Amino acid sequence: MENVALKEDLKSNKRAYKQHLFTMHKQLASFENRLSGEDEPRKSLQLSPFLPFGSAADVPLFLRSDSTNLVNNEGLGVKVLVELRKFWLDNKQKAEATSCNFEERFVRYVTQGEGVTQRAAHSHLVNLHMYMKRYQYYADCEVTCLVLAGDMCPDAWYSMDNEVNRFKTALRQLAATPNAGNKDIARVISETFPTKTIDAAAAVFMNICVEGVPPLLGEWLKKCDGVMELVKVQFVQEVRLFEMQIEEGVRDFMKHHTDITVDDVVAATLSIDPSQCKD
């Protein structure tokens, strides 16, 4: 009887694993379709003009305008991802050379260049904002929106980008290793993302393995945007969760103390994640 029950458990687990693998594969395909533009809205909808934001106090400074004219839709689509990446790489240099805040650097980047009129610059800023909001399921768009709103530190984007680059480098090295197997992929994921939950690491692992690697790992790395986007999305989720945990830790601390110092915040942070002590 025990053997029969064990076999049923194994069958059930196998079915659950296959279903989970199928779900992860669909998620990966969805990411890759979005990156290739296959889920773009119909042109008739995509090119509908945008309403002006006005100049109310609750409108971000870079979107404010006294004009009541409709804003031309430039039809950026997922090309907004390319432009945002260029901005972030440019911002890294400008942030070290200027004292202006992030929002000002964002506006300067868009308005730079000869012959750019104030109206054209404002129109492009509105387009960037609208398409970032439309494609917030991409981590680059979500992080940029959060930073512009003051809800995330700009360094988060660079940490996310560095994490993806480290993962790509580790996989390239693995691709050049003879007789590498799925265990080696799991090891690379574990070493690159030591703080990931088991479910998050499993999602990354299965999305790689459904492509038939490691024998085809080298070829797969040329078209791995879907998995790398998944890694980015997980990074944003982890940062947001960590921020919530710190906030809860500080609130718990304040229940028993009337004053709170920077050292107290550091202590609360370390109690949640001791690995942060090096920062």
C-alpha atoms as a PDB file:
ATOM      1  CA  MET A   1       0.000   0.000   0.000  1.00  0.00           C
ATOM      2  CA  GLU A   2       2.847   2.351   0.863  1.00  0.00           C
ATOM      3  CA  ASN A   3       4.415   1.786  -2.559  1.00  0.00           C
ATOM      4  CA  VAL A   4       1.115   2.583  -4.283  1.00  0.00           C
ATOM      5  CA  ALA A   5       0.725   5.775  -2.251  1.00  0.00           C
ATOM      6  CA  LEU A   6       4.323   6.737  -3.020  1.00  0.00           C
ATOM      7  CA  LYS A   7       3.790   6.193  -6.751  1.00  0.00           C
ATOM      8  CA  GLU A   8       0.648   8.360  -6.651  1.00  0.00           C
ATOM      9  CA  ASP A   9       2.584  11.109  -4.859  1.00  0.00           C
ATOM     10  CA  LEU A  10       5.338  10.940  -7.472  1.00  0.00           C
ATOM     11  CA  LYS A  11       2.793  11.137 -10.310  1.00  0.00           C
ATOM     12  CA  SER A  12       1.085  14.085  -8.633  1.00  0.00           C
ATOM     13  CA  ASN A  13       4.394  15.892  -8.130  1.00  0.00           C
ATOM     14  CA  LYS A  14       5.387  15.178 -11.720  1.00  0.00           C
ATOM     15  CA  ARG A  15       2.113  16.624 -13.011  1.00  0.00           C
ATOM     16  CA  ALA A  16       2.549  19.686 -10.792  1.00  0.00           C
ATOM     17  CA  TYR A  17       6.116  20.127 -12.036  1.00  0.00           C
ATOM     18  CA  LYS A  18       5.027  19.869 -15.674  1.00  0.00           C
ATOM     19  CA  GLN A  19       2.249  22.412 -15.080  1.00  0.00           C
ATOM     20  CA  HIS A  20       4.699  24.775 -13.361  1.00  0.00           C
ATOM     21  CA  LEU A  21       7.166  24.340 -16.211  1.00  0.00           C
ATOM     22  CA  PHE A  22       4.424  25.048 -18.755  1.00  0.00           C
ATOM     23  CA  THR A  23       3.422  28.206 -16.860  1.00  0.00           C
ATOM     24  CA  MET A  24       7.024  29.412 -16.719  1.00  0.00           C
ATOM     25  CA  HIS A  25       7.460  28.705 -20.428  1.00  0.00           C
ATOM     26  CA  LYS A  26       4.351  30.788 -21.232  1.00  0.00           C
ATOM     27  CA  GLN A  27       5.692  33.595 -19.059  1.00  0.00           C
ATOM     28  CA  LEU A  28       9.015  33.507 -20.908  1.00  0.00           C
ATOM     29  CA  ALA A  29       7.261  33.489 -24.286  1.00  0.00           C
ATOM     30  CA  SER A  30       5.175  36.465 -23.167  1.00  0.00           C
ATOM     31  CA  PHE A  31       8.282  38.441 -22.254  1.00  0.00           C
ATOM     32  CA  GLU A  32       9.965  37.642 -25.579  1.00  0.00           C
ATOM     33  CA  ASN A  33       6.831  38.522 -27.568  1.00  0.00           C
ATOM     34  CA  ARG A  34       6.636  41.861 -25.820  1.00  0.00           C
ATOM     35  CA  LEU A  35      10.301  42.577 -26.514  1.00  0.00           C
ATOM     36  CA  SER A  36       9.836  41.756 -30.181  1.00  0.00           C
ATOM     37  CA  GLY A  37       6.804  44.026 -30.330  1.00  0.00           C
ATOM     38  CA  GLU A  38       4.310  41.277 -31.120  1.00  0.00           C
ATOM     39  CA  ASP A  39       1.908  42.535 -28.449  1.00  0.00           C
ATOM     40  CA  GLU A  40       1.932  46.134 -29.693  1.00  0.00           C
ATOM     41  CA  PRO A  41      -1.484  47.847 -29.678  1.00  0.00           C
ATOM     42  CA  ARG A  42      -3.230  48.463 -32.948  1.00  0.00           C
ATOM     43  CA  LYS A  43      -1.870  51.527 -34.740  1.00  0.00           C
ATOM     44  CA  SER A  44      -5.228  53.248 -34.568  1.00  0.00           C
ATOM     45  CA  LEU A  45      -5.029  53.067 -30.773  1.00  0.00           C
ATOM     46  CA  GLN A  46      -1.300  53.470 -30.475  1.00  0.00           C
ATOM     47  CA  LEU A  47      -1.281  56.791 -32.337  1.00  0.00           C
ATOM     48  CA  SER A  48      -4.160  58.381 -30.443  1.00  0.00           C
ATOM     49  CA  PRO A  49      -2.951  61.749 -29.079  1.00  0.00           C
ATOM     50  CA  PHE A  50      -2.438  62.290 -25.362  1.00  0.00           C
ATOM     51  CA  LEU A  51      -4.332  64.801 -23.243  1.00  0.00           C
ATOM     52  CA  PRO A  52      -2.188  67.591 -21.721  1.00  0.00           C
ATOM     53  CA  PHE A  53      -1.406  67.223 -18.025  1.00  0.00           C
ATOM     54  CA  GLY A  54      -1.898  70.895 -17.151  1.00  0.00           C
ATOM     55  CA  SER A  55       0.041  72.761 -14.487  1.00  0.00           C
ATOM     56  CA  ALA A  56      -1.586  71.666 -11.222  1.00  0.00           C
ATOM     57  CA  ALA A  57       0.583  71.185  -8.153  1.00  0.00           C
ATOM     58  CA  ASP A  58       0.152  67.395  -8.213  1.00  0.00           C
ATOM     59  CA  VAL A  59       1.558  67.127 -11.771  1.00  0.00           C
ATOM     60  CA  PRO A  60       5.298  66.290 -11.946  1.00  0.00           C
ATOM     61  CA  LEU A  61       7.375  69.314 -12.934  1.00  0.00           C
ATOM     62  CA  PHE A  62       8.635  67.763 -16.164  1.00  0.00           C
ATOM     63  CA  LEU A  63       5.042  67.190 -17.371  1.00  0.00           C
ATOM     64  CA  ARG A  64       3.564  70.573 -16.485  1.00  0.00           C
ATOM     65  CA  SER A  65       2.358  72.834 -19.265  1.00  0.00           C
ATOM     66  CA  ASP A  66      -0.135  75.665 -19.653  1.00  0.00           C
ATOM     67  CA  SER A  67      -1.021  74.487 -23.158  1.00  0.00           C
ATOM     68  CA  THR A  68      -4.452  72.954 -23.719  1.00  0.00           C
ATOM     69  CA  ASN A  69      -3.466  71.367 -27.055  1.00  0.00           C
ATOM     70  CA  LEU A  70      -3.392  67.592 -27.469  1.00  0.00           C
ATOM     71  CA  VAL A  71       0.090  66.055 -27.388  1.00  0.00           C
ATOM     72  CA  ASN A  72       1.122  64.193 -30.531  1.00  0.00           C
ATOM     73  CA  ASN A  73       1.635  60.451 -30.028  1.00  0.00           C
ATOM     74  CA  GLU A  74       5.075  59.467 -31.342  1.00  0.00           C
ATOM     75  CA  GLY A  75       4.260  55.749 -31.333  1.00  0.00           C
ATOM     76  CA  LEU A  76       7.352  54.786 -29.314  1.00  0.00           C
ATOM     77  CA  GLY A  77       6.082  51.346 -28.334  1.00  0.00           C
ATOM     78  CA  VAL A  78       8.741  49.114 -26.779  1.00  0.00           C
ATOM     79  CA  LYS A  79      11.403  51.369 -28.326  1.00  0.00           C
ATOM     80  CA  VAL A  80      11.010  53.313 -25.105  1.00  0.00           C
ATOM     81  CA  LEU A  81      13.176  50.599 -23.504  1.00  0.00           C
ATOM     82  CA  VAL A  82      16.099  51.441 -25.795  1.00  0.00           C
ATOM     83  CA  GLU A  83      15.796  55.154 -25.064  1.00  0.00           C
ATOM     84  CA  LEU A  84      15.574  54.592 -21.326  1.00  0.00           C
ATOM     85  CA  ARG A  85      18.710  52.463 -21.332  1.00  0.00           C
ATOM     86  CA  LYS A  86      20.589  55.195 -23.235  1.00  0.00           C
ATOM     87  CA  PHE A  87      19.382  57.723 -20.669  1.00  0.00           C
ATOM     88  CA  TRP A  88      20.492  55.619 -17.696  1.00  0.00           C
ATOM     89  CA  LEU A  89      23.967  55.080 -19.127  1.00  0.00           C
ATOM     90  CA  ASP A  90      24.237  58.806 -19.901  1.00  0.00           C
ATOM     91  CA  ASN A  91      22.913  59.680 -16.435  1.00  0.00           C
ATOM     92  CA  LYS A  92      25.679  57.689 -14.752  1.00  0.00           C
ATOM     93  CA  GLN A  93      28.262  60.087 -16.195  1.00  0.00           C
ATOM     94  CA  LYS A  94      26.184  63.241 -15.671  1.00  0.00           C
ATOM     95  CA  ALA A  95      25.336  62.355 -12.056  1.00  0.00           C
ATOM     96  CA  GLU A  96      29.034  62.466 -11.173  1.00  0.00           C
ATOM     97  CA  ALA A  97      29.625  65.773 -12.978  1.00  0.00           C
ATOM     98  CA  THR A  98      26.531  67.799 -11.986  1.00  0.00           C
ATOM     99  CA  SER A  99      24.710  68.615  -8.768  1.00  0.00           C
ATOM    100  CA  CYS A 100      21.184  68.750 -10.263  1.00  0.00           C
ATOM    101  CA  ASN A 101      18.631  66.155  -9.192  1.00  0.00           C
ATOM    102  CA  PHE A 102      17.488  63.125 -11.148  1.00  0.00           C
ATOM    103  CA  GLU A 103      14.372  64.750 -12.624  1.00  0.00           C
ATOM    104  CA  GLU A 104      16.417  67.695 -13.932  1.00  0.00           C
ATOM    105  CA  ARG A 105      18.939  65.346 -15.536  1.00  0.00           C
ATOM    106  CA  PHE A 106      16.073  63.417 -17.138  1.00  0.00           C
ATOM    107  CA  VAL A 107      14.662  66.626 -18.653  1.00  0.00           C
ATOM    108  CA  ARG A 108      18.099  67.799 -19.810  1.00  0.00           C
ATOM    109  CA  TYR A 109      18.750  64.478 -21.517  1.00  0.00           C
ATOM    110  CA  VAL A 110      15.491  64.687 -23.479  1.00  0.00           C
ATOM    111  CA  THR A 111      15.910  68.364 -24.379  1.00  0.00           C
ATOM    112  CA  GLN A 112      19.586  68.189 -25.361  1.00  0.00           C
ATOM    113  CA  GLY A 113      20.607  68.713 -28.968  1.00  0.00           C
ATOM    114  CA  GLU A 114      20.463  71.585 -31.388  1.00  0.00           C
ATOM    115  CA  GLY A 115      17.125  72.787 -32.706  1.00  0.00           C
ATOM    116  CA  VAL A 116      15.007  71.087 -30.053  1.00  0.00           C
ATOM    117  CA  THR A 117      12.107  73.449 -29.320  1.00  0.00           C
ATOM    118  CA  GLN A 118      10.425  73.675 -25.937  1.00  0.00           C
ATOM    119  CA  ARG A 119       7.196  72.313 -27.406  1.00  0.00           C
ATOM    120  CA  ALA A 120       8.935  69.327 -29.034  1.00  0.00           C
ATOM    121  CA  ALA A 121      10.833  68.581 -25.828  1.00  0.00           C
ATOM    122  CA  HIS A 122       7.652  68.688 -23.740  1.00  0.00           C
ATOM    123  CA  SER A 123       5.863  66.472 -26.260  1.00  0.00           C
ATOM    124  CA  HIS A 124       8.648  63.873 -26.069  1.00  0.00           C
ATOM    125  CA  LEU A 125       8.662  63.971 -22.262  1.00  0.00           C
ATOM    126  CA  VAL A 126       4.913  63.290 -22.232  1.00  0.00           C
ATOM    127  CA  ASN A 127       5.391  60.418 -24.691  1.00  0.00           C
ATOM    128  CA  LEU A 128       8.157  58.868 -22.605  1.00  0.00           C
ATOM    129  CA  HIS A 129       6.009  59.135 -19.478  1.00  0.00           C
ATOM    130  CA  MET A 130       2.927  57.592 -21.123  1.00  0.00           C
ATOM    131  CA  TYR A 131       4.832  54.696 -22.678  1.00  0.00           C
ATOM    132  CA  MET A 132       6.729  54.041 -19.450  1.00  0.00           C
ATOM    133  CA  LYS A 133       3.384  53.757 -17.700  1.00  0.00           C
ATOM    134  CA  ARG A 134       1.985  51.556 -20.473  1.00  0.00           C
ATOM    135  CA  TYR A 135       4.955  49.168 -20.316  1.00  0.00           C
ATOM    136  CA  GLN A 136       5.497  49.069 -16.570  1.00  0.00           C
ATOM    137  CA  TYR A 137       5.663  45.282 -16.726  1.00  0.00           C
ATOM    138  CA  TYR A 138       9.225  45.906 -17.986  1.00  0.00           C
ATOM    139  CA  ALA A 139      11.587  46.545 -15.104  1.00  0.00           C
ATOM    140  CA  ASP A 140      13.364  49.461 -16.841  1.00  0.00           C
ATOM    141  CA  CYS A 141      10.068  51.339 -17.176  1.00  0.00           C
ATOM    142  CA  GLU A 142       8.922  50.514 -13.658  1.00  0.00           C
ATOM    143  CA  VAL A 143      12.203  51.547 -12.036  1.00  0.00           C
ATOM    144  CA  THR A 144      12.355  54.822 -13.996  1.00  0.00           C
ATOM    145  CA  CYS A 145       8.778  55.677 -12.977  1.00  0.00           C
ATOM    146  CA  LEU A 146       9.536  54.883  -9.337  1.00  0.00           C
ATOM    147  CA  VAL A 147      12.730  56.980  -9.334  1.00  0.00           C
ATOM    148  CA  LEU A 148      11.011  59.956 -10.981  1.00  0.00           C
ATOM    149  CA  ALA A 149       8.243  59.705  -8.360  1.00  0.00           C
ATOM    150  CA  GLY A 150      10.849  59.648  -5.579  1.00  0.00           C
ATOM    151  CA  ASP A 151       9.898  56.117  -4.498  1.00  0.00           C
ATOM    152  CA  MET A 152      13.209  54.452  -5.363  1.00  0.00           C
ATOM    153  CA  CYS A 153      16.870  55.410  -5.357  1.00  0.00           C
ATOM    154  CA  PRO A 154      18.499  55.830  -8.836  1.00  0.00           C
ATOM    155  CA  ASP A 155      21.247  53.407  -7.764  1.00  0.00           C
ATOM    156  CA  ALA A 156      18.659  50.614  -7.935  1.00  0.00           C
ATOM    157  CA  TRP A 157      18.740  50.631 -11.756  1.00  0.00           C
ATOM    158  CA  TYR A 158      22.511  50.252 -11.821  1.00  0.00           C
ATOM    159  CA  SER A 159      22.380  47.457  -9.239  1.00  0.00           C
ATOM    160  CA  MET A 160      19.770  45.694 -11.380  1.00  0.00           C
ATOM    161  CA  ASP A 161      21.860  46.130 -14.537  1.00  0.00           C
ATOM    162  CA  ASN A 162      25.004  44.877 -12.790  1.00  0.00           C
ATOM    163  CA  GLU A 163      23.139  41.813 -11.529  1.00  0.00           C
ATOM    164  CA  VAL A 164      21.989  40.918 -15.049  1.00  0.00           C
ATOM    165  CA  ASN A 165      25.482  41.460 -16.490  1.00  0.00           C
ATOM    166  CA  ARG A 166      27.049  39.241 -13.806  1.00  0.00           C
ATOM    167  CA  PHE A 167      24.525  36.517 -14.599  1.00  0.00           C
ATOM    168  CA  LYS A 168      25.203  36.742 -18.344  1.00  0.00           C
ATOM    169  CA  THR A 169      28.969  36.584 -17.735  1.00  0.00           C
ATOM    170  CA  ALA A 170      28.610  33.510 -15.521  1.00  0.00           C
ATOM    171  CA  LEU A 171      26.449  31.754 -18.132  1.00  0.00           C
ATOM    172  CA  ARG A 172      28.904  32.577 -20.921  1.00  0.00           C
ATOM    173  CA  GLN A 173      31.697  31.028 -18.886  1.00  0.00           C
ATOM    174  CA  LEU A 174      29.512  27.987 -18.280  1.00  0.00           C
ATOM    175  CA  ALA A 175      28.744  27.711 -22.005  1.00  0.00           C
ATOM    176  CA  ALA A 176      32.481  27.411 -22.674  1.00  0.00           C
ATOM    177  CA  THR A 177      32.855  24.647 -20.072  1.00  0.00           C
ATOM    178  CA  PRO A 178      32.912  21.088 -21.495  1.00  0.00           C
ATOM    179  CA  ASN A 179      30.261  18.667 -20.232  1.00  0.00           C
ATOM    180  CA  ALA A 180      28.328  21.341 -18.320  1.00  0.00           C
ATOM    181  CA  GLY A 181      24.893  20.193 -17.195  1.00  0.00           C
ATOM    182  CA  ASN A 182      21.713  21.421 -15.564  1.00  0.00           C
ATOM    183  CA  LYS A 183      23.323  21.079 -12.130  1.00  0.00           C
ATOM    184  CA  ASP A 184      25.932  23.599 -13.233  1.00  0.00           C
ATOM    185  CA  ILE A 185      23.186  26.021 -14.305  1.00  0.00           C
ATOM    186  CA  ALA A 186      21.540  25.628 -10.902  1.00  0.00           C
ATOM    187  CA  ARG A 187      24.898  26.273  -9.227  1.00  0.00           C
ATOM    188  CA  VAL A 188      25.455  29.461 -11.265  1.00  0.00           C
ATOM    189  CA  ILE A 189      21.993  30.738 -10.328  1.00  0.00           C
ATOM    190  CA  SER A 190      22.615  29.979  -6.661  1.00  0.00           C
ATOM    191  CA  GLU A 191      26.024  31.685  -6.659  1.00  0.00           C
ATOM    192  CA  THR A 192      24.858  34.740  -8.620  1.00  0.00           C
ATOM    193  CA  PHE A 193      21.639  35.235  -6.626  1.00  0.00           C
ATOM    194  CA  PRO A 194      22.369  33.949  -3.090  1.00  0.00           C
ATOM    195  CA  THR A 195      19.402  35.819  -1.567  1.00  0.00           C
ATOM    196  CA  LYS A 196      16.727  34.643  -4.034  1.00  0.00           C
ATOM    197  CA  THR A 197      13.877  32.543  -2.727  1.00  0.00           C
ATOM    198  CA  ILE A 198      13.664  28.938  -3.882  1.00  0.00           C
ATOM    199  CA  ASP A 199      10.630  29.718  -6.062  1.00  0.00           C
ATOM    200  CA  ALA A 200      12.313  32.694  -7.746  1.00  0.00           C
ATOM    201  CA  ALA A 201      15.500  30.734  -8.433  1.00  0.00           C
ATOM    202  CA  ALA A 202      13.448  27.792  -9.745  1.00  0.00           C
ATOM    203  CA  ALA A 203      11.580  30.085 -12.143  1.00  0.00           C
ATOM    204  CA  VAL A 204      14.867  31.333 -13.616  1.00  0.00           C
ATOM    205  CA  PHE A 205      16.275  27.787 -13.813  1.00  0.00           C
ATOM    206  CA  MET A 206      13.239  26.297 -15.567  1.00  0.00           C
ATOM    207  CA  ASN A 207      12.968  29.177 -18.032  1.00  0.00           C
ATOM    208  CA  ILE A 208      16.539  28.428 -19.088  1.00  0.00           C
ATOM    209  CA  CYS A 209      16.149  24.662 -19.211  1.00  0.00           C
ATOM    210  CA  VAL A 210      13.033  24.664 -21.404  1.00  0.00           C
ATOM    211  CA  GLU A 211      15.237  25.986 -24.208  1.00  0.00           C
ATOM    212  CA  GLY A 212      17.234  22.741 -24.387  1.00  0.00           C
ATOM    213  CA  VAL A 213      20.416  23.873 -22.698  1.00  0.00           C
ATOM    214  CA  PRO A 214      23.221  23.380 -21.677  1.00  0.00           C
ATOM    215  CA  PRO A 215      24.092  21.847 -25.106  1.00  0.00           C
ATOM    216  CA  LEU A 216      22.651  24.974 -26.756  1.00  0.00           C
ATOM    217  CA  LEU A 217      23.553  27.442 -24.005  1.00  0.00           C
ATOM    218  CA  GLY A 218      25.893  29.454 -26.211  1.00  0.00           C
ATOM    219  CA  GLU A 219      23.214  29.933 -28.897  1.00  0.00           C
ATOM    220  CA  TRP A 220      20.531  30.573 -26.298  1.00  0.00           C
ATOM    221  CA  LEU A 221      22.523  33.447 -24.788  1.00  0.00           C
ATOM    222  CA  LYS A 222      22.093  35.369 -28.054  1.00  0.00           C
ATOM    223  CA  LYS A 223      18.324  35.515 -27.501  1.00  0.00           C
ATOM    224  CA  CYS A 224      17.950  35.384 -23.731  1.00  0.00           C
ATOM    225  CA  ASP A 225      16.079  38.680 -23.298  1.00  0.00           C
ATOM    226  CA  GLY A 226      13.054  36.933 -21.809  1.00  0.00           C
ATOM    227  CA  VAL A 227      14.921  35.314 -18.912  1.00  0.00           C
ATOM    228  CA  MET A 228      17.001  38.442 -18.260  1.00  0.00           C
ATOM    229  CA  GLU A 229      13.798  40.477 -18.090  1.00  0.00           C
ATOM    230  CA  LEU A 230      12.455  37.955 -15.579  1.00  0.00           C
ATOM    231  CA  VAL A 231      15.608  38.475 -13.488  1.00  0.00           C
ATOM    232  CA  LYS A 232      15.049  42.255 -13.615  1.00  0.00           C
ATOM    233  CA  VAL A 233      11.391  41.966 -12.615  1.00  0.00           C
ATOM    234  CA  GLN A 234      12.348  39.734  -9.690  1.00  0.00           C
ATOM    235  CA  PHE A 235      14.989  42.269  -8.644  1.00  0.00           C
ATOM    236  CA  VAL A 236      12.417  45.088  -8.479  1.00  0.00           C
ATOM    237  CA  GLN A 237      10.037  42.891  -6.490  1.00  0.00           C
ATOM    238  CA  GLU A 238      12.828  41.982  -4.052  1.00  0.00           C
ATOM    239  CA  VAL A 239      13.839  45.631  -3.553  1.00  0.00           C
ATOM    240  CA  ARG A 240      10.251  46.709  -2.927  1.00  0.00           C
ATOM    241  CA  LEU A 241       9.724  43.851  -0.464  1.00  0.00           C
ATOM    242  CA  PHE A 242      12.955  44.720   1.348  1.00  0.00           C
ATOM    243  CA  GLU A 243      11.837  48.367   1.648  1.00  0.00           C
ATOM    244  CA  MET A 244       8.518  47.244   3.154  1.00  0.00           C
ATOM    245  CA  GLN A 245      10.323  45.010   5.642  1.00  0.00           C
ATOM    246  CA  ILE A 246      12.596  47.870   6.722  1.00  0.00           C
ATOM    247  CA  GLU A 247       9.584  50.164   7.167  1.00  0.00           C
ATOM    248  CA  GLU A 248       7.829  47.549   9.284  1.00  0.00           C
ATOM    249  CA  GLY A 249      11.005  47.037  11.324  1.00  0.00           C
ATOM    250  CA  VAL A 250      11.318  50.760  11.999  1.00  0.00           C
ATOM    251  CA  ARG A 251       7.635  50.985  12.993  1.00  0.00           C
ATOM    252  CA  ASP A 252       8.029  48.065  15.404  1.00  0.00           C
ATOM    253  CA  PHE A 253      11.084  49.754  16.899  1.00  0.00           C
ATOM    254  CA  MET A 254       9.212  53.047  17.382  1.00  0.00           C
ATOM    255  CA  LYS A 255       6.531  51.276  19.416  1.00  0.00           C
ATOM    256  CA  HIS A 256       9.057  50.980  22.236  1.00  0.00           C
ATOM    257  CA  HIS A 257      11.201  54.075  21.608  1.00  0.00           C
ATOM    258  CA  THR A 258      10.272  57.750  21.308  1.00  0.00           C
ATOM    259  CA  ASP A 259      13.280  58.825  19.224  1.00  0.00           C
ATOM    260  CA  ILE A 260      14.906  57.107  16.270  1.00  0.00           C
ATOM    261  CA  THR A 261      18.365  57.714  14.807  1.00  0.00           C
ATOM    262  CA  VAL A 262      20.229  56.655  11.670  1.00  0.00           C
ATOM    263  CA  ASP A 263      21.970  53.975  13.734  1.00  0.00           C
ATOM    264  CA  ASP A 264      18.565  52.578  14.681  1.00  0.00           C
ATOM    265  CA  VAL A 265      17.567  52.362  10.978  1.00  0.00           C
ATOM    266  CA  VAL A 266      20.856  50.571  10.230  1.00  0.00           C
ATOM    267  CA  ALA A 267      20.186  48.146  13.075  1.00  0.00           C
ATOM    268  CA  ALA A 268      16.683  47.461  11.721  1.00  0.00           C
ATOM    269  CA  THR A 269      18.130  46.875   8.251  1.00  0.00           C
ATOM    270  CA  LEU A 270      20.771  44.457   9.501  1.00  0.00           C
ATOM    271  CA  SER A 271      18.198  42.542  11.521  1.00  0.00           C
ATOM    272  CA  ILE A 272      16.359  41.827   8.243  1.00  0.00           C
ATOM    273  CA  ASP A 273      19.386  41.194   6.026  1.00  0.00           C
ATOM    274  CA  PRO A 274      22.821  40.905   7.694  1.00  0.00           C
ATOM    275  CA  SER A 275      24.499  40.870   4.241  1.00  0.00           C
ATOM    276  CA  GLN A 276      23.796  44.619   4.003  1.00  0.00           C
ATOM    277  CA  CYS A 277      26.458  45.334   6.637  1.00  0.00           C
ATOM    278  CA  LYS A 278      29.094  45.831   3.916  1.00  0.00           C
ATOM    279  CA  ASP A 279      27.055  48.728   2.484  1.00  0.00           C
END
